[in-house]
C-alpha cells in the first residue's frame, strides 16, 4: 500500500479500527499492523519544472501579493482567507490579493463579499484557464496561504513554494512536512492566528530562507520521484513473481 504522505498514511491507519469495528464477525483488527508494515510513502510526483519558463522579476514597488489557490469548497475554508484579508485591509496594510481556484459552488456570496470589501486590493478573483497566466501569477506572488481542513498532500502549495512564495499554513495535515525545520515556527499558524502571522510577515519582522524551502519542494518533481516509483513497482513485481 502506498500513501502520498506520512500524514495520509497515519490518518488512514487511525481511521481503520473504527471502520473495521462496523463489521461484527470478521473485524480483523490484528491485520492493521500487518497493513502498516506493508505500507510505505511514495510522494506525489509534480511537474514543477514547467513553471520555470514563466519566471519573471516582480516590480520592486508593487505591494506584497498574497495568493490563495485552492478550490472554493468548504473543506478548503475560503471564508477564513477572505475574513483575514478584510482584517488586513481595515488595519491599513499595503498588499494585494489573488484568489484563484475553481468555484463549483452555486452560491457566489463569498465572491461578492470579497469583491465588495476588498475592492482594488484584488488583482485576480476566480479560476485561471491559462496555465501560462497562472504560472506568471505564482512567480509574482509573495505569500501563499492555506486555511484547509482537508488536504492529503498540498500540491497547489508546493507549486507556489517552488515559485518562491512564502507559505502561510495551518499547523495541521501534511503541511508541516512540506516545510524546512527552520520555516515551521515562522510559516505555520495555530487556529485563529492567520491574520497575526500575516501581519508579522507584512511588517517585515520575519526572515524566510526561500531557497531552502524551494529545494525541499523540488524533491517532489517527477524527475526525482519517478525513479522512486520505478524502484518500488519493480520490487513489487519481483516479490509477486517469485
Protein backbone atom coordinates (compact mmCIF):
# COMPACT_ATOMS: atom_id res chain seq x y z
CA UNK A 1 0.00 0.00 0.00
CA UNK A 2 1.37 3.36 -0.98
CA UNK A 3 0.32 6.68 0.54
CA UNK A 4 1.31 10.04 -0.83
CA UNK A 5 2.35 11.41 2.55
CA UNK A 6 3.22 10.26 6.05
CA UNK A 7 0.19 12.24 7.24
CA UNK A 8 -2.13 10.42 4.82
CA UNK A 9 -0.78 7.02 5.88
CA UNK A 10 -1.14 7.71 9.63
CA UNK A 11 -4.60 9.19 9.12
CA UNK A 12 -5.72 6.07 7.24
CA UNK A 13 -4.33 3.74 9.93
CA UNK A 14 -6.07 5.71 12.67
CA UNK A 15 -9.44 5.53 10.90
CA UNK A 16 -9.14 1.83 10.10
CA UNK A 17 -10.12 0.40 13.53
CA UNK A 18 -13.30 2.47 13.52
CA UNK A 19 -14.15 1.25 10.04
CA UNK A 20 -13.42 -2.40 10.83
CA UNK A 21 -15.43 -2.38 14.06
CA UNK A 22 -18.56 -1.92 11.94
CA UNK A 23 -18.13 -5.47 10.70
CA UNK A 24 -19.29 -7.67 13.56
CA UNK A 25 -17.92 -11.07 12.55
CA UNK A 26 -14.55 -10.62 10.97
CA UNK A 27 -13.21 -7.32 12.11
CA UNK A 28 -9.61 -8.42 11.62
CA UNK A 29 -8.22 -5.69 13.87
CA UNK A 30 -4.93 -7.56 14.14
CA UNK A 31 -4.37 -7.05 10.42
CA UNK A 32 -3.92 -3.29 10.88
CA UNK A 33 -0.33 -3.68 12.00
CA UNK A 34 0.32 -6.04 9.10
CA UNK A 35 -1.08 -3.47 6.69
CA UNK A 36 1.04 -0.74 8.30
CA UNK A 37 4.14 -2.91 7.94
CA UNK A 38 3.41 -3.33 4.25
CA UNK A 39 2.71 0.36 3.72
CA UNK A 40 5.12 2.99 2.51
CA UNK A 41 5.08 6.62 1.49
CA UNK A 42 5.57 7.48 -2.17
CA UNK A 43 5.24 11.23 -2.57
CA UNK A 44 3.07 12.77 -5.25
CA UNK A 45 5.05 13.48 -8.40
CA UNK A 46 4.73 17.08 -9.52
CA UNK A 47 5.56 18.72 -12.80
CA UNK A 48 7.35 21.68 -11.25
CA UNK A 49 9.82 22.43 -13.99
CA UNK A 50 7.01 23.55 -16.28
CA UNK A 51 6.86 26.72 -14.17
CA UNK A 52 10.47 27.63 -14.94
CA UNK A 53 9.94 29.28 -18.30
CA UNK A 54 7.42 31.78 -16.89
CA UNK A 55 9.66 33.12 -14.16
CA UNK A 56 9.86 36.89 -14.13
CA UNK A 57 11.05 39.52 -11.70
CA UNK A 58 8.46 41.31 -9.65
CA UNK A 59 8.41 45.12 -9.94
CA UNK A 60 10.06 46.27 -6.71
CA UNK A 61 7.44 48.91 -5.91
CA UNK A 62 4.48 46.50 -6.13
CA UNK A 63 2.72 45.83 -2.82
CA UNK A 64 3.18 42.32 -1.37
CA UNK A 65 0.89 39.89 -3.20
CA UNK A 66 -0.98 37.26 -1.17
CA UNK A 67 -2.21 34.24 -3.10
CA UNK A 68 -4.95 31.74 -2.24
CA UNK A 69 -5.03 28.96 -4.85
CA UNK A 70 -7.49 26.28 -3.76
CA UNK A 71 -10.88 25.03 -4.88
CA UNK A 72 -13.74 27.07 -3.44
CA UNK A 73 -15.09 24.32 -1.21
CA UNK A 74 -15.98 24.23 2.46
CA UNK A 75 -13.13 21.91 3.37
CA UNK A 76 -10.69 24.47 1.96
CA UNK A 77 -12.29 27.12 4.18
CA UNK A 78 -12.23 30.16 1.82
CA UNK A 79 -14.21 32.26 4.30
CA UNK A 80 -11.24 32.37 6.69
CA UNK A 81 -8.98 33.81 3.98
CA UNK A 82 -11.47 36.47 2.92
CA UNK A 83 -12.02 37.46 6.57
CA UNK A 84 -8.29 37.72 7.13
CA UNK A 85 -7.78 39.91 4.04
CA UNK A 86 -10.62 42.20 5.13
CA UNK A 87 -8.99 42.48 8.55
CA UNK A 88 -5.61 43.35 7.00
CA UNK A 89 -7.25 45.99 4.85
CA UNK A 90 -9.06 47.52 7.83
CA UNK A 91 -5.74 47.62 9.71
CA UNK A 92 -4.30 49.68 6.85
CA UNK A 93 -1.86 47.12 5.43
CA UNK A 94 -0.49 47.61 1.95
CA UNK A 95 -0.99 44.38 -0.03
CA UNK A 96 -2.79 42.93 -2.99
CA UNK A 97 -4.62 39.62 -3.20
CA UNK A 98 -5.05 36.95 -5.86
CA UNK A 99 -7.82 34.48 -5.16
CA UNK A 100 -7.79 31.72 -7.74
CA UNK A 101 -9.29 28.25 -7.81
CA UNK A 102 -12.42 26.77 -9.28
CA UNK A 103 -15.73 27.76 -7.79
CA UNK A 104 -18.15 24.86 -8.18
CA UNK A 105 -20.50 26.19 -5.57
CA UNK A 106 -23.69 27.77 -6.78
CA UNK A 107 -23.52 30.32 -4.01
CA UNK A 108 -21.25 33.20 -5.05
CA UNK A 109 -21.76 35.17 -1.82
CA UNK A 110 -18.11 34.88 -0.84
CA UNK A 111 -17.00 36.10 -4.25
CA UNK A 112 -19.28 39.09 -3.94
CA UNK A 113 -18.14 39.79 -0.39
CA UNK A 114 -14.52 39.62 -1.47
CA UNK A 115 -15.15 41.99 -4.36
CA UNK A 116 -17.19 44.44 -2.26
CA UNK A 117 -14.97 44.56 0.79
CA UNK A 118 -11.54 44.18 -0.76
CA UNK A 119 -12.13 46.21 -3.90
CA UNK A 120 -8.93 47.26 -5.63
CA UNK A 121 -6.82 45.04 -3.37
CA UNK A 122 -7.90 42.11 -5.54
CA UNK A 123 -5.91 41.66 -8.74
CA UNK A 124 -7.35 38.24 -9.57
CA UNK A 125 -10.61 36.63 -8.49
CA UNK A 126 -11.60 33.22 -9.82
CA UNK A 127 -10.18 30.34 -11.80
CA UNK A 128 -7.49 30.99 -14.42
CA UNK A 129 -7.88 28.96 -17.60
CA UNK A 130 -4.44 29.70 -18.92
CA UNK A 131 -1.57 27.80 -17.31
CA UNK A 132 0.84 30.47 -18.52
CA UNK A 133 -1.09 33.23 -16.73
CA UNK A 134 -1.33 31.11 -13.59
CA UNK A 135 2.40 30.34 -13.62
CA UNK A 136 3.26 34.01 -14.08
CA UNK A 137 0.97 34.90 -11.17
CA UNK A 138 2.73 32.38 -8.91
CA UNK A 139 6.12 33.95 -9.65
CA UNK A 140 4.67 37.40 -8.87
CA UNK A 141 3.09 36.33 -5.57
CA UNK A 142 4.95 36.83 -2.29
CA UNK A 143 2.83 34.68 0.01
CA UNK A 144 0.66 31.64 -0.48
CA UNK A 145 -1.99 30.98 2.16
CA UNK A 146 -3.94 27.89 3.12
CA UNK A 147 -6.77 27.51 5.61
CA UNK A 148 -7.71 23.95 4.59
CA UNK A 149 -9.21 21.33 6.91
CA UNK A 150 -8.91 18.60 4.33
CA UNK A 151 -5.84 18.11 2.15
CA UNK A 152 -3.81 14.92 1.71
CA UNK A 153 -0.71 16.43 0.23
CA UNK A 154 -0.82 20.09 -0.75
CA UNK A 155 0.02 20.27 -4.46
CA UNK A 156 -1.04 23.88 -5.04
CA UNK A 157 1.04 24.98 -2.04
CA UNK A 158 4.06 23.07 -3.37
CA UNK A 159 3.75 24.77 -6.75
CA UNK A 160 3.65 28.20 -5.12
CA UNK A 161 6.64 27.46 -2.84
CA UNK A 162 8.56 26.28 -5.91
CA UNK A 163 7.84 29.72 -7.42
CA UNK A 164 9.39 31.39 -4.34
CA UNK A 165 6.19 32.17 -2.42
CA UNK A 166 6.43 32.22 1.35
CA UNK A 167 3.88 29.69 2.68
CA UNK A 168 1.49 30.71 5.48
CA UNK A 169 -0.14 27.44 6.52
CA UNK A 170 -2.25 25.97 9.32
CA UNK A 171 -0.26 23.76 11.68
CA UNK A 172 -2.04 20.56 10.67
CA UNK A 173 -2.49 17.97 7.91
CA UNK A 174 0.59 17.34 5.75
CA UNK A 175 1.66 21.00 5.82
CA UNK A 176 4.43 20.76 8.44
CA UNK A 177 6.08 18.06 6.29
CA UNK A 178 6.31 20.43 3.32
CA UNK A 179 8.46 22.89 5.26
CA UNK A 180 12.08 23.02 6.33
CA UNK A 181 12.53 22.84 10.11
CA UNK A 182 13.55 26.47 10.43
CA UNK A 183 10.49 27.60 8.45
CA UNK A 184 7.97 25.75 10.68
CA UNK A 185 7.84 28.29 13.55
CA UNK A 186 7.53 31.24 11.14
CA UNK A 187 5.24 29.77 8.47
CA UNK A 188 2.75 27.68 10.46
CA UNK A 189 -0.06 29.30 12.44
CA UNK A 190 -2.39 27.99 15.16
CA UNK A 191 -6.16 28.26 14.74
CA UNK A 192 -7.32 31.85 14.73
CA UNK A 193 -3.79 33.22 14.26
CA UNK A 194 -3.66 33.56 10.46
CA UNK A 195 -4.02 37.35 10.42
CA UNK A 196 -1.50 37.78 13.24
CA UNK A 197 1.12 35.77 11.36
CA UNK A 198 0.44 37.62 8.10
CA UNK A 199 0.86 40.95 9.92
CA UNK A 200 4.24 39.85 11.31
CA UNK A 201 5.38 38.98 7.80
CA UNK A 202 3.99 42.16 6.23
CA UNK A 203 5.64 44.21 8.99
CA UNK A 204 8.94 42.81 7.74
CA UNK A 205 9.68 41.15 11.07
CA UNK A 206 10.41 37.70 9.67
CA UNK A 207 13.26 36.40 7.53
CA UNK A 208 12.44 33.31 5.48
CA UNK A 209 15.01 31.17 3.69
CA UNK A 210 13.10 30.79 0.42
CA UNK A 211 15.83 28.89 -1.49
CA UNK A 212 15.85 26.19 1.21
CA UNK A 213 12.06 25.86 1.04
CA UNK A 214 12.17 25.63 -2.73
CA UNK A 215 14.89 23.00 -2.58
CA UNK A 216 12.76 20.86 -0.24
CA UNK A 217 9.78 21.10 -2.61
CA UNK A 218 11.90 20.43 -5.70
CA UNK A 219 12.38 16.86 -4.46
CA UNK A 220 8.75 16.19 -5.44
CA UNK A 221 9.42 16.91 -9.10
CA UNK A 222 8.79 13.90 -11.37
CA UNK A 223 12.46 13.85 -12.40
CA UNK A 224 13.26 12.80 -8.83
CA UNK A 225 10.06 10.97 -7.85
CA UNK A 226 9.68 8.82 -10.99
CA UNK A 227 12.77 6.70 -10.26
CA UNK A 228 11.42 6.08 -6.72
CA UNK A 229 8.18 4.79 -8.25
CA UNK A 230 10.13 2.63 -10.69
CA UNK A 231 12.13 1.07 -7.88
CA UNK A 232 9.07 0.47 -5.69
CA UNK A 233 6.99 -1.04 -8.50
CA UNK A 234 9.87 -3.22 -9.71
CA UNK A 235 10.25 -4.61 -6.19
CA UNK A 236 6.54 -5.44 -6.09
CA UNK A 237 6.72 -7.21 -9.42
CA UNK A 238 9.77 -9.21 -8.34
CA UNK A 239 8.27 -10.27 -4.99
CA UNK A 240 4.98 -11.32 -6.60
CA UNK A 241 6.75 -13.09 -9.41
CA UNK A 242 8.55 -15.48 -7.10
